[in-house]
Amino acid sequence: MKMILAATTAVLATVNPAFAFDTSVFFKNGIMASVFVGFLALIVVIQLVPALMLLMGCIKALIAGSKKKVPAVESTPNKD
C-alpha cells in the first residue's frame, strides 16, 4: 500500500499544469446571451417551486399516516 501511495505521489508531483487557451478573446458574450441564460435559470427556479410543494405534501402525508384505521380482517356474522 505504501508503494502505491509513493508511486502515485511521485507521478502527481511531476505533472505540469495545463495551459488552457483563453477563449474570452474570441467568444465575447453580449447582453442577449446573459439575458437568455438568466431566462433559462428563471424557468428552472419556477419549476422547482411546485415540485418542492409536492414533495413537502408527500412527506407530510407519510409522517401523518392514515387517519382511518382499517382492520386487518373483516369480521362477518356467522349465520349458522
N, C-alpha and C. Protein backbone atom coordinates (compact mmCIF):
# COMPACT_ATOMS: atom_id res chain seq x y z
N MET A 1 0.82 -1.19 0.00
CA MET A 1 0.00 0.00 0.00
C MET A 1 0.87 1.26 0.00
N LYS A 2 1.94 1.22 0.80
CA LYS A 2 2.83 2.37 0.84
C LYS A 2 3.52 2.61 -0.50
N MET A 3 3.80 1.51 -1.21
CA MET A 3 4.45 1.62 -2.52
C MET A 3 3.53 2.30 -3.53
N ILE A 4 2.24 1.94 -3.50
CA ILE A 4 1.27 2.54 -4.42
C ILE A 4 1.10 4.03 -4.10
N LEU A 5 1.04 4.35 -2.82
CA LEU A 5 0.90 5.75 -2.42
C LEU A 5 2.13 6.56 -2.83
N ALA A 6 3.30 6.00 -2.66
CA ALA A 6 4.53 6.70 -3.05
C ALA A 6 4.60 6.89 -4.56
N ALA A 7 4.20 5.87 -5.32
CA ALA A 7 4.22 5.97 -6.78
C ALA A 7 3.21 7.02 -7.27
N THR A 8 2.04 7.03 -6.67
CA THR A 8 1.02 8.00 -7.05
C THR A 8 1.48 9.41 -6.73
N THR A 9 2.08 9.59 -5.57
CA THR A 9 2.59 10.91 -5.19
C THR A 9 3.68 11.37 -6.14
N ALA A 10 4.56 10.46 -6.53
CA ALA A 10 5.65 10.81 -7.44
C ALA A 10 5.11 11.22 -8.81
N VAL A 11 4.10 10.50 -9.29
CA VAL A 11 3.52 10.82 -10.60
C VAL A 11 2.81 12.17 -10.54
N LEU A 12 2.02 12.40 -9.49
CA LEU A 12 1.27 13.65 -9.39
C LEU A 12 2.17 14.85 -9.14
N ALA A 13 3.33 14.63 -8.53
CA ALA A 13 4.25 15.73 -8.27
C ALA A 13 4.92 16.21 -9.55
N THR A 14 5.03 15.35 -10.53
CA THR A 14 5.71 15.73 -11.76
C THR A 14 4.78 16.24 -12.85
N VAL A 15 3.49 16.25 -12.59
CA VAL A 15 2.52 16.69 -13.59
C VAL A 15 2.54 18.21 -13.69
N ASN A 16 2.65 18.71 -14.92
CA ASN A 16 2.62 20.14 -15.15
C ASN A 16 1.18 20.60 -15.34
N PRO A 17 0.88 21.83 -14.94
CA PRO A 17 -0.48 22.32 -15.16
C PRO A 17 -0.75 22.53 -16.64
N ALA A 18 -2.01 22.36 -17.02
CA ALA A 18 -2.39 22.56 -18.42
C ALA A 18 -2.51 24.06 -18.68
N PHE A 19 -1.94 24.49 -19.77
CA PHE A 19 -2.03 25.88 -20.15
C PHE A 19 -3.16 26.02 -21.15
N ALA A 20 -4.36 26.23 -20.64
CA ALA A 20 -5.54 26.32 -21.48
C ALA A 20 -5.56 27.64 -22.23
N PHE A 21 -6.17 27.63 -23.40
CA PHE A 21 -6.26 28.82 -24.23
C PHE A 21 -7.39 29.70 -23.71
N ASP A 22 -7.16 30.96 -23.64
CA ASP A 22 -8.17 31.91 -23.17
C ASP A 22 -9.15 32.20 -24.31
N THR A 23 -10.38 31.70 -24.17
CA THR A 23 -11.37 31.86 -25.24
C THR A 23 -12.12 33.18 -25.14
N SER A 24 -11.92 33.94 -24.09
CA SER A 24 -12.64 35.20 -23.97
C SER A 24 -12.21 36.20 -25.04
N VAL A 25 -11.06 35.97 -25.66
CA VAL A 25 -10.62 36.86 -26.73
C VAL A 25 -11.51 36.71 -27.95
N PHE A 26 -11.93 35.48 -28.25
CA PHE A 26 -12.71 35.22 -29.46
C PHE A 26 -14.22 35.16 -29.20
N PHE A 27 -14.62 34.66 -28.04
CA PHE A 27 -16.04 34.46 -27.76
C PHE A 27 -16.49 35.43 -26.66
N LYS A 28 -16.83 36.63 -27.04
CA LYS A 28 -17.32 37.61 -26.09
C LYS A 28 -18.84 37.57 -26.13
N ASN A 29 -19.44 37.27 -24.98
CA ASN A 29 -20.89 37.19 -24.90
C ASN A 29 -21.47 38.58 -24.69
N GLY A 30 -22.53 38.86 -25.40
CA GLY A 30 -23.20 40.13 -25.26
C GLY A 30 -24.28 40.06 -24.19
N ILE A 31 -25.06 41.11 -24.11
CA ILE A 31 -26.12 41.19 -23.12
C ILE A 31 -27.21 40.18 -23.41
N MET A 32 -27.45 39.86 -24.67
CA MET A 32 -28.52 38.92 -25.02
C MET A 32 -28.20 37.50 -24.53
N ALA A 33 -26.94 37.12 -24.56
CA ALA A 33 -26.57 35.79 -24.06
C ALA A 33 -26.81 35.72 -22.56
N SER A 34 -26.51 36.79 -21.85
CA SER A 34 -26.74 36.83 -20.40
C SER A 34 -28.24 36.80 -20.09
N VAL A 35 -29.02 37.51 -20.87
CA VAL A 35 -30.48 37.51 -20.68
C VAL A 35 -31.04 36.12 -20.95
N PHE A 36 -30.54 35.46 -21.97
CA PHE A 36 -31.02 34.12 -22.30
C PHE A 36 -30.69 33.13 -21.17
N VAL A 37 -29.48 33.17 -20.66
CA VAL A 37 -29.11 32.27 -19.56
C VAL A 37 -29.92 32.59 -18.31
N GLY A 38 -30.15 33.86 -18.05
CA GLY A 38 -30.98 34.25 -16.91
C GLY A 38 -32.41 33.78 -17.06
N PHE A 39 -32.94 33.84 -18.28
CA PHE A 39 -34.30 33.35 -18.54
C PHE A 39 -34.40 31.85 -18.31
N LEU A 40 -33.39 31.11 -18.75
CA LEU A 40 -33.39 29.67 -18.50
C LEU A 40 -33.31 29.35 -17.01
N ALA A 41 -32.51 30.11 -16.29
CA ALA A 41 -32.41 29.91 -14.84
C ALA A 41 -33.75 30.22 -14.17
N LEU A 42 -34.44 31.24 -14.64
CA LEU A 42 -35.74 31.59 -14.09
C LEU A 42 -36.76 30.48 -14.33
N ILE A 43 -36.74 29.86 -15.48
CA ILE A 43 -37.64 28.73 -15.76
C ILE A 43 -37.36 27.57 -14.81
N VAL A 44 -36.10 27.27 -14.57
CA VAL A 44 -35.75 26.18 -13.66
C VAL A 44 -36.24 26.48 -12.25
N VAL A 45 -36.06 27.70 -11.78
CA VAL A 45 -36.48 28.06 -10.43
C VAL A 45 -38.00 28.01 -10.31
N ILE A 46 -38.70 28.47 -11.33
CA ILE A 46 -40.16 28.44 -11.30
C ILE A 46 -40.66 27.00 -11.27
N GLN A 47 -40.00 26.10 -11.95
CA GLN A 47 -40.41 24.69 -11.95
C GLN A 47 -40.08 24.01 -10.62
N LEU A 48 -39.10 24.52 -9.90
CA LEU A 48 -38.74 23.92 -8.61
C LEU A 48 -39.78 24.21 -7.52
N VAL A 49 -40.46 25.33 -7.59
CA VAL A 49 -41.42 25.70 -6.54
C VAL A 49 -42.55 24.68 -6.44
N PRO A 50 -43.28 24.32 -7.51
CA PRO A 50 -44.33 23.32 -7.36
C PRO A 50 -43.79 21.93 -7.01
N ALA A 51 -42.59 21.62 -7.50
CA ALA A 51 -42.01 20.32 -7.19
C ALA A 51 -41.71 20.22 -5.70
N LEU A 52 -41.18 21.28 -5.11
CA LEU A 52 -40.91 21.26 -3.67
C LEU A 52 -42.20 21.22 -2.86
N MET A 53 -43.24 21.91 -3.32
CA MET A 53 -44.53 21.86 -2.62
C MET A 53 -45.11 20.45 -2.65
N LEU A 54 -45.01 19.78 -3.78
CA LEU A 54 -45.49 18.42 -3.90
C LEU A 54 -44.69 17.48 -3.01
N LEU A 55 -43.39 17.66 -2.97
CA LEU A 55 -42.55 16.84 -2.12
C LEU A 55 -42.89 17.03 -0.65
N MET A 56 -43.11 18.27 -0.23
CA MET A 56 -43.47 18.53 1.17
C MET A 56 -44.82 17.90 1.51
N GLY A 57 -45.77 17.94 0.57
CA GLY A 57 -47.06 17.30 0.80
C GLY A 57 -46.93 15.80 0.96
N CYS A 58 -46.08 15.18 0.15
CA CYS A 58 -45.87 13.74 0.26
C CYS A 58 -45.20 13.38 1.58
N ILE A 59 -44.25 14.19 2.00
CA ILE A 59 -43.57 13.92 3.27
C ILE A 59 -44.54 14.09 4.44
N LYS A 60 -45.38 15.12 4.40
CA LYS A 60 -46.37 15.31 5.46
C LYS A 60 -47.35 14.14 5.51
N ALA A 61 -47.75 13.64 4.35
CA ALA A 61 -48.68 12.50 4.32
C ALA A 61 -48.03 11.25 4.88
N LEU A 62 -46.76 11.06 4.61
CA LEU A 62 -46.06 9.89 5.14
C LEU A 62 -45.89 9.98 6.65
N ILE A 63 -45.61 11.18 7.14
CA ILE A 63 -45.41 11.35 8.57
C ILE A 63 -46.73 11.22 9.32
N ALA A 64 -47.78 11.83 8.81
CA ALA A 64 -49.07 11.81 9.49
C ALA A 64 -49.68 10.42 9.48
N GLY A 65 -49.46 9.66 8.44
CA GLY A 65 -50.04 8.33 8.34
C GLY A 65 -51.52 8.40 8.01
N SER A 66 -52.13 7.27 8.05
CA SER A 66 -53.55 7.19 7.72
C SER A 66 -54.38 7.45 8.97
N LYS A 67 -55.36 8.33 8.85
CA LYS A 67 -56.23 8.64 9.98
C LYS A 67 -57.27 7.53 10.20
N LYS A 68 -57.70 6.90 9.15
CA LYS A 68 -58.72 5.87 9.24
C LYS A 68 -58.07 4.53 9.53
N LYS A 69 -58.53 3.89 10.59
CA LYS A 69 -58.00 2.58 10.96
C LYS A 69 -58.83 1.50 10.26
N VAL A 70 -58.18 0.70 9.47
CA VAL A 70 -58.84 -0.38 8.75
C VAL A 70 -58.42 -1.69 9.41
N PRO A 71 -59.39 -2.51 9.82
CA PRO A 71 -59.00 -3.79 10.43
C PRO A 71 -58.33 -4.70 9.42
N ALA A 72 -57.46 -5.54 9.91
CA ALA A 72 -56.71 -6.44 9.02
C ALA A 72 -57.65 -7.46 8.39
N VAL A 73 -58.62 -7.98 9.18
CA VAL A 73 -59.58 -8.97 8.69
C VAL A 73 -60.95 -8.49 9.09
N GLU A 74 -61.85 -8.45 8.11
CA GLU A 74 -63.20 -8.04 8.43
C GLU A 74 -63.93 -9.20 9.08
N SER A 75 -64.66 -8.90 10.13
CA SER A 75 -65.44 -9.95 10.80
C SER A 75 -66.86 -9.91 10.28
N THR A 76 -67.37 -11.04 9.85
CA THR A 76 -68.74 -11.15 9.37
C THR A 76 -69.51 -12.03 10.32
N PRO A 77 -70.74 -11.70 10.57
CA PRO A 77 -71.54 -12.53 11.49
C PRO A 77 -71.77 -13.93 10.89
N ASN A 78 -71.71 -14.92 11.71
CA ASN A 78 -71.91 -16.31 11.31
C ASN A 78 -73.40 -16.60 11.32
N LYS A 79 -74.01 -17.05 10.21
CA LYS A 79 -75.46 -17.29 10.12
C LYS A 79 -75.81 -18.75 10.33
N ASP A 80 -74.96 -19.57 10.84
CA ASP A 80 -75.27 -20.99 11.06
C ASP A 80 -76.15 -21.23 12.21
